[in-house]
């Protein structure tokens, strides 16, 4: 195998769907600021998702309102640099 192929911060990360509180753990190198205590008692980095396979209409077969704010308003509030 080639040396130094994978990033050095490749580790277990918890992804949490905020619309229905579904969480899953997988390996990732994404940078996070928050952590969460997992079912095994260990603490892992946390990534909050707006939608996952448990809440997406394609996988669930039904339309579901995820948020009440419009996409543009939500974008402006998230990336507002005031």
N, C-alpha and C. Protein backbone atom coordinates (compact mmCIF):
# COMPACT_ATOMS: atom_id res chain seq x y z
N UNK A 1 0.83 -1.18 0.00
CA UNK A 1 0.00 0.00 0.00
C UNK A 1 0.88 1.26 0.00
N UNK A 2 0.35 2.32 -0.56
CA UNK A 2 1.07 3.59 -0.59
C UNK A 2 1.05 4.24 0.79
N UNK A 3 2.17 4.84 1.14
CA UNK A 3 2.25 5.54 2.41
C UNK A 3 1.61 6.92 2.29
N UNK A 4 1.08 7.40 3.39
CA UNK A 4 0.48 8.75 3.48
C UNK A 4 -0.66 8.95 2.48
N UNK A 5 -1.43 7.91 2.22
CA UNK A 5 -2.55 8.01 1.29
C UNK A 5 -3.77 8.62 1.96
N UNK A 6 -4.04 8.23 3.22
CA UNK A 6 -5.20 8.75 3.93
C UNK A 6 -4.81 9.95 4.79
N UNK A 7 -5.76 10.84 5.04
CA UNK A 7 -5.48 11.98 5.92
C UNK A 7 -5.15 11.49 7.34
N UNK A 8 -4.42 12.30 8.06
CA UNK A 8 -3.99 11.89 9.40
C UNK A 8 -5.13 11.97 10.42
N UNK A 9 -6.18 12.76 10.15
CA UNK A 9 -7.28 12.91 11.10
C UNK A 9 -8.48 12.04 10.75
N UNK A 10 -8.27 10.92 10.08
CA UNK A 10 -9.32 9.99 9.72
C UNK A 10 -9.73 9.22 10.97
N UNK A 11 -10.98 9.43 11.45
CA UNK A 11 -11.42 8.87 12.72
C UNK A 11 -12.91 8.63 12.71
N UNK A 12 -13.45 8.04 13.78
CA UNK A 12 -14.88 7.83 13.91
C UNK A 12 -15.56 9.16 14.24
N UNK A 13 -16.67 9.44 13.54
CA UNK A 13 -17.43 10.68 13.72
C UNK A 13 -18.91 10.32 13.78
N UNK A 14 -19.67 10.99 14.64
CA UNK A 14 -21.11 10.81 14.75
C UNK A 14 -21.81 11.86 13.90
N UNK A 15 -22.72 11.42 13.03
CA UNK A 15 -23.55 12.30 12.23
C UNK A 15 -24.96 12.24 12.78
N UNK A 16 -25.57 13.41 13.06
CA UNK A 16 -26.89 13.46 13.67
C UNK A 16 -27.84 14.26 12.79
N UNK A 17 -28.96 13.64 12.41
CA UNK A 17 -30.01 14.30 11.65
C UNK A 17 -30.85 15.10 12.63
N UNK A 18 -30.83 16.43 12.51
CA UNK A 18 -31.50 17.29 13.48
C UNK A 18 -33.02 17.31 13.30
N UNK A 19 -33.54 16.85 12.16
CA UNK A 19 -34.98 16.87 11.95
C UNK A 19 -35.70 15.72 12.65
N UNK A 20 -34.98 14.62 12.92
CA UNK A 20 -35.64 13.49 13.60
C UNK A 20 -34.75 12.81 14.64
N UNK A 21 -33.64 13.43 15.00
CA UNK A 21 -32.71 12.94 16.03
C UNK A 21 -32.12 11.56 15.74
N UNK A 22 -32.02 11.17 14.48
CA UNK A 22 -31.37 9.92 14.11
C UNK A 22 -29.87 10.15 14.04
N UNK A 23 -29.09 9.28 14.64
CA UNK A 23 -27.63 9.41 14.65
C UNK A 23 -26.99 8.13 14.14
N UNK A 24 -25.86 8.29 13.47
CA UNK A 24 -25.07 7.14 13.06
C UNK A 24 -23.60 7.50 13.14
N UNK A 25 -22.76 6.49 13.28
CA UNK A 25 -21.33 6.70 13.43
C UNK A 25 -20.62 6.06 12.25
N UNK A 26 -19.64 6.78 11.71
CA UNK A 26 -18.85 6.28 10.59
C UNK A 26 -17.50 6.98 10.61
N UNK A 27 -16.60 6.50 9.79
CA UNK A 27 -15.28 7.13 9.72
C UNK A 27 -15.31 8.32 8.78
N UNK A 28 -14.63 9.39 9.19
CA UNK A 28 -14.59 10.61 8.39
C UNK A 28 -13.39 11.45 8.82
N UNK A 29 -13.03 12.41 8.00
CA UNK A 29 -11.96 13.35 8.36
C UNK A 29 -12.49 14.78 8.40
N UNK A 30 -13.80 14.95 8.53
CA UNK A 30 -14.42 16.26 8.59
C UNK A 30 -14.04 16.96 9.90
N UNK A 31 -13.80 18.28 9.83
CA UNK A 31 -13.48 19.05 11.02
C UNK A 31 -14.75 19.44 11.76
N UNK A 32 -14.77 19.25 13.07
CA UNK A 32 -15.94 19.57 13.88
C UNK A 32 -15.50 20.32 15.13
N UNK A 33 -16.44 21.05 15.71
CA UNK A 33 -16.18 21.76 16.96
C UNK A 33 -16.89 21.12 18.14
N UNK A 34 -17.94 20.37 17.86
CA UNK A 34 -18.75 19.77 18.92
C UNK A 34 -18.43 18.29 19.08
N UNK A 35 -18.72 17.77 20.27
CA UNK A 35 -18.56 16.34 20.53
C UNK A 35 -19.85 15.83 21.17
N UNK A 36 -20.01 14.51 21.14
CA UNK A 36 -21.18 13.87 21.73
C UNK A 36 -20.75 12.54 22.33
N UNK A 37 -21.42 12.17 23.40
CA UNK A 37 -21.16 10.86 24.02
C UNK A 37 -22.00 9.82 23.31
N UNK A 38 -21.37 8.80 22.78
CA UNK A 38 -22.05 7.76 22.01
C UNK A 38 -22.50 6.64 22.94
N UNK A 39 -23.24 5.68 22.41
CA UNK A 39 -23.82 4.58 23.17
C UNK A 39 -22.78 3.71 23.87
N UNK A 40 -21.56 3.66 23.34
CA UNK A 40 -20.52 2.84 23.94
C UNK A 40 -19.79 3.55 25.08
N UNK A 41 -20.19 4.79 25.39
CA UNK A 41 -19.58 5.54 26.48
C UNK A 41 -18.44 6.43 26.07
N UNK A 42 -17.97 6.30 24.84
CA UNK A 42 -16.88 7.14 24.34
C UNK A 42 -17.41 8.44 23.77
N UNK A 43 -16.56 9.44 23.72
CA UNK A 43 -16.93 10.74 23.16
C UNK A 43 -16.34 10.87 21.77
N UNK A 44 -17.19 11.28 20.81
CA UNK A 44 -16.79 11.39 19.41
C UNK A 44 -17.14 12.77 18.87
N UNK A 45 -16.46 13.22 17.82
CA UNK A 45 -16.84 14.47 17.17
C UNK A 45 -18.24 14.37 16.58
N UNK A 46 -18.99 15.49 16.57
CA UNK A 46 -20.37 15.50 16.12
C UNK A 46 -20.53 16.41 14.92
N UNK A 47 -21.25 15.91 13.90
CA UNK A 47 -21.62 16.70 12.73
C UNK A 47 -23.14 16.71 12.67
N UNK A 48 -23.74 17.90 12.66
CA UNK A 48 -25.19 18.03 12.62
C UNK A 48 -25.64 18.15 11.17
N UNK A 49 -26.59 17.29 10.78
CA UNK A 49 -27.13 17.28 9.42
C UNK A 49 -28.54 17.84 9.42
N UNK A 50 -28.92 18.47 8.34
CA UNK A 50 -30.29 18.95 8.20
C UNK A 50 -31.20 17.85 7.67
N UNK A 51 -30.63 16.94 6.89
CA UNK A 51 -31.42 15.87 6.29
C UNK A 51 -30.53 14.65 6.08
N UNK A 52 -31.09 13.47 6.27
CA UNK A 52 -30.36 12.22 6.04
C UNK A 52 -31.29 11.24 5.34
N UNK A 53 -30.86 10.00 5.23
CA UNK A 53 -31.69 9.01 4.54
C UNK A 53 -32.97 8.69 5.33
N UNK A 54 -33.01 9.00 6.62
CA UNK A 54 -34.22 8.74 7.40
C UNK A 54 -35.26 9.85 7.30
N UNK A 55 -34.87 11.01 6.75
CA UNK A 55 -35.82 12.11 6.63
C UNK A 55 -35.98 12.62 5.19
N UNK A 56 -35.21 12.11 4.25
CA UNK A 56 -35.29 12.56 2.86
C UNK A 56 -36.52 11.94 2.19
N UNK A 57 -37.31 12.75 1.45
CA UNK A 57 -38.53 12.24 0.82
C UNK A 57 -38.30 11.08 -0.16
N UNK A 58 -37.15 11.04 -0.82
CA UNK A 58 -36.88 9.96 -1.76
C UNK A 58 -36.84 8.61 -1.04
N UNK A 59 -36.24 8.58 0.13
CA UNK A 59 -36.10 7.33 0.87
C UNK A 59 -37.32 7.01 1.73
N UNK A 60 -38.02 8.04 2.22
CA UNK A 60 -39.17 7.79 3.09
C UNK A 60 -40.45 7.59 2.31
N UNK A 61 -40.53 8.13 1.10
CA UNK A 61 -41.72 7.97 0.29
C UNK A 61 -42.81 8.98 0.61
N UNK A 62 -42.55 9.91 1.48
CA UNK A 62 -43.54 10.94 1.80
C UNK A 62 -42.86 12.29 1.95
N UNK A 63 -43.58 13.31 1.57
CA UNK A 63 -43.06 14.66 1.69
C UNK A 63 -43.15 15.09 3.15
N UNK A 64 -42.12 15.73 3.61
CA UNK A 64 -42.06 16.14 5.00
C UNK A 64 -41.44 17.52 5.07
N UNK A 65 -42.08 18.43 5.78
CA UNK A 65 -41.55 19.77 5.93
C UNK A 65 -40.41 19.72 6.94
N UNK A 66 -39.22 20.02 6.48
CA UNK A 66 -38.05 19.92 7.34
C UNK A 66 -37.87 21.17 8.18
N UNK A 67 -38.08 22.34 7.59
CA UNK A 67 -37.92 23.57 8.34
C UNK A 67 -38.96 24.58 7.90
N UNK A 68 -39.17 25.60 8.71
CA UNK A 68 -40.18 26.60 8.40
C UNK A 68 -39.60 27.80 7.68
N UNK A 69 -38.31 28.02 7.81
CA UNK A 69 -37.68 29.16 7.13
C UNK A 69 -37.40 28.80 5.68
N UNK A 70 -37.42 29.79 4.82
CA UNK A 70 -37.09 29.56 3.42
C UNK A 70 -35.61 29.30 3.25
N UNK A 71 -35.24 28.71 2.13
CA UNK A 71 -33.84 28.36 1.91
C UNK A 71 -32.94 29.59 1.85
N UNK A 72 -33.41 30.66 1.21
CA UNK A 72 -32.60 31.87 1.09
C UNK A 72 -32.43 32.54 2.45
N UNK A 73 -33.51 32.64 3.22
CA UNK A 73 -33.42 33.24 4.55
C UNK A 73 -32.50 32.42 5.46
N UNK A 74 -32.59 31.12 5.36
CA UNK A 74 -31.76 30.26 6.18
C UNK A 74 -30.28 30.41 5.80
N UNK A 75 -30.02 30.53 4.50
CA UNK A 75 -28.65 30.74 4.03
C UNK A 75 -28.11 32.06 4.54
N UNK A 76 -28.91 33.11 4.46
CA UNK A 76 -28.46 34.44 4.91
C UNK A 76 -28.17 34.47 6.40
N UNK A 77 -29.00 33.82 7.20
CA UNK A 77 -28.76 33.82 8.65
C UNK A 77 -27.54 32.98 9.01
N UNK A 78 -27.30 31.91 8.28
CA UNK A 78 -26.17 31.05 8.58
C UNK A 78 -24.85 31.71 8.22
N UNK A 79 -24.79 32.41 7.09
CA UNK A 79 -23.54 32.96 6.62
C UNK A 79 -23.48 34.48 6.73
N UNK A 80 -24.27 35.04 7.62
CA UNK A 80 -24.27 36.48 7.85
C UNK A 80 -22.98 36.85 8.57
N UNK A 81 -22.21 37.77 8.02
CA UNK A 81 -20.90 38.13 8.58
C UNK A 81 -20.93 39.50 9.24
N UNK A 82 -21.97 39.77 10.01
CA UNK A 82 -22.06 41.07 10.70
C UNK A 82 -21.23 41.09 11.95
